Amino acid sequence: MAKIKGAVQVDVEKCKGCNLCVVACPTSVLALAREVNGKGYNYAYMANPDACIGCANCGLVCPDSVIEVYKVKVEA
């Protein structure tokens, strides 16, 4: 039976590091990077990608719509 995993893609250059997605994630997948983007903001990234369930909470709360969430089938 196939298992569903999530994948989050953040537009790093448009992310302003508001931290809303990090707080909204129920499985603690996202974190703010130590590095900064071209605008000087710490951007969100998948710190724990194996825990992503593809719930899309992060994408729903993002005020700038810079997060895309994908669901990927993984053969078990």
N, C-alpha and C. Protein backbone atom coordinates (compact mmCIF):
# COMPACT_ATOMS: atom_id res chain seq x y z
N MET A 1 0.84 -1.18 0.00
CA MET A 1 0.00 0.00 0.00
C MET A 1 0.89 1.24 0.00
N ALA A 2 0.53 2.20 -0.81
CA ALA A 2 1.31 3.43 -0.92
C ALA A 2 1.07 4.34 0.28
N LYS A 3 2.11 4.99 0.69
CA LYS A 3 2.04 5.92 1.81
C LYS A 3 2.16 7.34 1.25
N ILE A 4 1.46 8.28 1.85
CA ILE A 4 1.51 9.67 1.38
C ILE A 4 2.45 10.47 2.27
N LYS A 5 3.38 11.17 1.64
CA LYS A 5 4.27 12.08 2.36
C LYS A 5 4.09 13.46 1.77
N GLY A 6 4.39 14.46 2.55
CA GLY A 6 4.29 15.83 2.07
C GLY A 6 5.63 16.39 1.68
N ALA A 7 5.58 17.42 0.87
CA ALA A 7 6.78 18.14 0.47
C ALA A 7 6.42 19.62 0.40
N VAL A 8 7.23 20.45 1.02
CA VAL A 8 6.98 21.89 1.06
C VAL A 8 8.05 22.60 0.24
N GLN A 9 7.60 23.50 -0.62
CA GLN A 9 8.54 24.30 -1.40
C GLN A 9 8.29 25.77 -1.08
N VAL A 10 9.33 26.44 -0.61
CA VAL A 10 9.25 27.85 -0.22
C VAL A 10 10.01 28.70 -1.23
N ASP A 11 9.39 29.78 -1.69
CA ASP A 11 10.08 30.73 -2.56
C ASP A 11 10.98 31.56 -1.64
N VAL A 12 12.23 31.15 -1.54
CA VAL A 12 13.18 31.71 -0.58
C VAL A 12 13.33 33.23 -0.72
N GLU A 13 13.39 33.72 -1.94
CA GLU A 13 13.61 35.15 -2.15
C GLU A 13 12.40 36.01 -1.77
N LYS A 14 11.22 35.44 -1.77
CA LYS A 14 10.03 36.20 -1.41
C LYS A 14 9.62 36.03 0.05
N CYS A 15 10.16 35.03 0.72
CA CYS A 15 9.82 34.76 2.13
C CYS A 15 10.40 35.86 3.01
N LYS A 16 9.58 36.40 3.91
CA LYS A 16 10.07 37.46 4.79
C LYS A 16 10.25 37.00 6.24
N GLY A 17 10.21 35.70 6.46
CA GLY A 17 10.54 35.14 7.76
C GLY A 17 9.59 35.52 8.88
N CYS A 18 8.29 35.57 8.59
CA CYS A 18 7.33 35.99 9.62
C CYS A 18 7.11 34.92 10.68
N ASN A 19 7.51 33.66 10.40
CA ASN A 19 7.46 32.55 11.35
C ASN A 19 6.06 31.96 11.52
N LEU A 20 5.05 32.45 10.81
CA LEU A 20 3.69 31.91 10.96
C LEU A 20 3.62 30.45 10.53
N CYS A 21 4.31 30.09 9.47
CA CYS A 21 4.29 28.71 8.99
C CYS A 21 4.95 27.76 9.97
N VAL A 22 6.01 28.22 10.62
CA VAL A 22 6.72 27.39 11.59
C VAL A 22 5.80 27.06 12.77
N VAL A 23 5.06 28.05 13.24
CA VAL A 23 4.15 27.87 14.36
C VAL A 23 2.95 27.00 13.96
N ALA A 24 2.48 27.13 12.71
CA ALA A 24 1.29 26.40 12.25
C ALA A 24 1.55 24.92 11.97
N CYS A 25 2.79 24.54 11.80
CA CYS A 25 3.12 23.16 11.43
C CYS A 25 2.92 22.21 12.62
N PRO A 26 2.00 21.23 12.49
CA PRO A 26 1.74 20.32 13.61
C PRO A 26 2.83 19.29 13.86
N THR A 27 3.72 19.09 12.89
CA THR A 27 4.77 18.08 13.04
C THR A 27 6.17 18.66 13.11
N SER A 28 6.28 19.96 13.31
CA SER A 28 7.58 20.65 13.46
C SER A 28 8.52 20.40 12.29
N VAL A 29 8.01 20.50 11.09
CA VAL A 29 8.81 20.29 9.89
C VAL A 29 9.61 21.54 9.54
N LEU A 30 8.98 22.70 9.65
CA LEU A 30 9.59 23.95 9.20
C LEU A 30 10.37 24.67 10.29
N ALA A 31 11.36 25.42 9.86
CA ALA A 31 12.16 26.27 10.75
C ALA A 31 12.67 27.45 9.93
N LEU A 32 13.16 28.45 10.62
CA LEU A 32 13.76 29.58 9.93
C LEU A 32 15.25 29.32 9.77
N ALA A 33 15.76 29.58 8.58
CA ALA A 33 17.17 29.36 8.28
C ALA A 33 18.05 30.39 8.98
N ARG A 34 19.27 30.03 9.26
CA ARG A 34 20.24 30.98 9.82
C ARG A 34 20.70 31.95 8.75
N GLU A 35 20.71 31.48 7.49
CA GLU A 35 21.10 32.32 6.37
C GLU A 35 19.96 33.28 6.04
N VAL A 36 20.29 34.32 5.32
CA VAL A 36 19.28 35.29 4.91
C VAL A 36 19.16 35.30 3.39
N ASN A 37 17.99 35.73 2.92
CA ASN A 37 17.78 35.84 1.48
C ASN A 37 18.29 37.20 0.99
N GLY A 38 18.01 37.53 -0.25
CA GLY A 38 18.50 38.77 -0.84
C GLY A 38 17.96 40.02 -0.17
N LYS A 39 16.84 39.89 0.51
CA LYS A 39 16.24 41.04 1.20
C LYS A 39 16.67 41.15 2.66
N GLY A 40 17.45 40.18 3.12
CA GLY A 40 17.95 40.22 4.49
C GLY A 40 17.08 39.50 5.51
N TYR A 41 16.12 38.68 5.05
CA TYR A 41 15.23 37.96 5.95
C TYR A 41 15.69 36.52 6.12
N ASN A 42 15.52 35.99 7.32
CA ASN A 42 15.71 34.56 7.55
C ASN A 42 14.48 33.87 6.97
N TYR A 43 14.66 33.00 6.02
CA TYR A 43 13.55 32.35 5.31
C TYR A 43 13.20 30.99 5.93
N ALA A 44 11.99 30.53 5.65
CA ALA A 44 11.54 29.22 6.13
C ALA A 44 12.10 28.13 5.23
N TYR A 45 12.38 26.97 5.83
CA TYR A 45 12.83 25.81 5.06
C TYR A 45 12.40 24.54 5.79
N MET A 46 12.49 23.41 5.10
CA MET A 46 12.11 22.13 5.70
C MET A 46 13.28 21.60 6.53
N ALA A 47 13.23 21.80 7.83
CA ALA A 47 14.29 21.33 8.72
C ALA A 47 14.16 19.84 9.00
N ASN A 48 12.93 19.32 8.96
CA ASN A 48 12.67 17.91 9.25
C ASN A 48 11.74 17.34 8.17
N PRO A 49 12.22 17.17 6.94
CA PRO A 49 11.35 16.79 5.83
C PRO A 49 10.66 15.44 5.97
N ASP A 50 11.25 14.51 6.70
CA ASP A 50 10.64 13.19 6.86
C ASP A 50 9.35 13.22 7.67
N ALA A 51 9.14 14.27 8.45
CA ALA A 51 7.94 14.36 9.29
C ALA A 51 6.76 15.02 8.59
N CYS A 52 6.96 15.53 7.39
CA CYS A 52 5.89 16.27 6.69
C CYS A 52 4.76 15.33 6.28
N ILE A 53 3.53 15.71 6.63
CA ILE A 53 2.35 14.92 6.30
C ILE A 53 1.53 15.56 5.18
N GLY A 54 1.95 16.70 4.67
CA GLY A 54 1.26 17.36 3.57
C GLY A 54 -0.05 18.00 3.95
N CYS A 55 -0.19 18.44 5.18
CA CYS A 55 -1.46 19.01 5.66
C CYS A 55 -1.75 20.39 5.07
N ALA A 56 -0.74 21.09 4.60
CA ALA A 56 -0.84 22.41 3.97
C ALA A 56 -1.20 23.54 4.92
N ASN A 57 -1.09 23.32 6.22
CA ASN A 57 -1.33 24.41 7.18
C ASN A 57 -0.37 25.57 6.93
N CYS A 58 0.87 25.27 6.62
CA CYS A 58 1.87 26.31 6.39
C CYS A 58 1.48 27.20 5.21
N GLY A 59 1.02 26.59 4.15
CA GLY A 59 0.62 27.34 2.97
C GLY A 59 -0.62 28.19 3.20
N LEU A 60 -1.52 27.71 4.04
CA LEU A 60 -2.75 28.44 4.33
C LEU A 60 -2.49 29.70 5.16
N VAL A 61 -1.53 29.65 6.07
CA VAL A 61 -1.29 30.80 6.95
C VAL A 61 -0.26 31.79 6.38
N CYS A 62 0.42 31.42 5.31
CA CYS A 62 1.44 32.31 4.74
C CYS A 62 0.80 33.56 4.16
N PRO A 63 1.12 34.74 4.70
CA PRO A 63 0.49 35.97 4.23
C PRO A 63 0.94 36.40 2.83
N ASP A 64 2.05 35.87 2.37
CA ASP A 64 2.58 36.26 1.05
C ASP A 64 2.42 35.16 0.00
N SER A 65 1.81 34.05 0.36
CA SER A 65 1.59 32.92 -0.56
C SER A 65 2.87 32.46 -1.24
N VAL A 66 3.92 32.30 -0.48
CA VAL A 66 5.20 31.85 -1.04
C VAL A 66 5.47 30.37 -0.78
N ILE A 67 4.49 29.67 -0.20
CA ILE A 67 4.65 28.25 0.13
C ILE A 67 3.73 27.40 -0.72
N GLU A 68 4.30 26.36 -1.33
CA GLU A 68 3.52 25.37 -2.07
C GLU A 68 3.72 24.03 -1.38
N VAL A 69 2.63 23.29 -1.22
CA VAL A 69 2.68 21.99 -0.57
C VAL A 69 2.28 20.92 -1.57
N TYR A 70 3.07 19.88 -1.63
CA TYR A 70 2.80 18.75 -2.53
C TYR A 70 2.64 17.49 -1.71
N LYS A 71 1.81 16.58 -2.21
CA LYS A 71 1.68 15.27 -1.62
C LYS A 71 2.31 14.27 -2.57
N VAL A 72 3.16 13.41 -2.04
CA VAL A 72 3.92 12.47 -2.84
C VAL A 72 3.63 11.05 -2.35
N LYS A 73 3.34 10.16 -3.29
CA LYS A 73 3.15 8.76 -2.92
C LYS A 73 4.51 8.10 -2.74
N VAL A 74 4.65 7.38 -1.64
CA VAL A 74 5.89 6.65 -1.36
C VAL A 74 5.53 5.19 -1.19
N GLU A 75 6.18 4.33 -1.96
CA GLU A 75 5.91 2.91 -1.83
C GLU A 75 6.50 2.39 -0.52
N ALA A 76 5.67 1.70 0.23
CA ALA A 76 6.10 1.19 1.54
C ALA A 76 6.75 -0.16 1.42
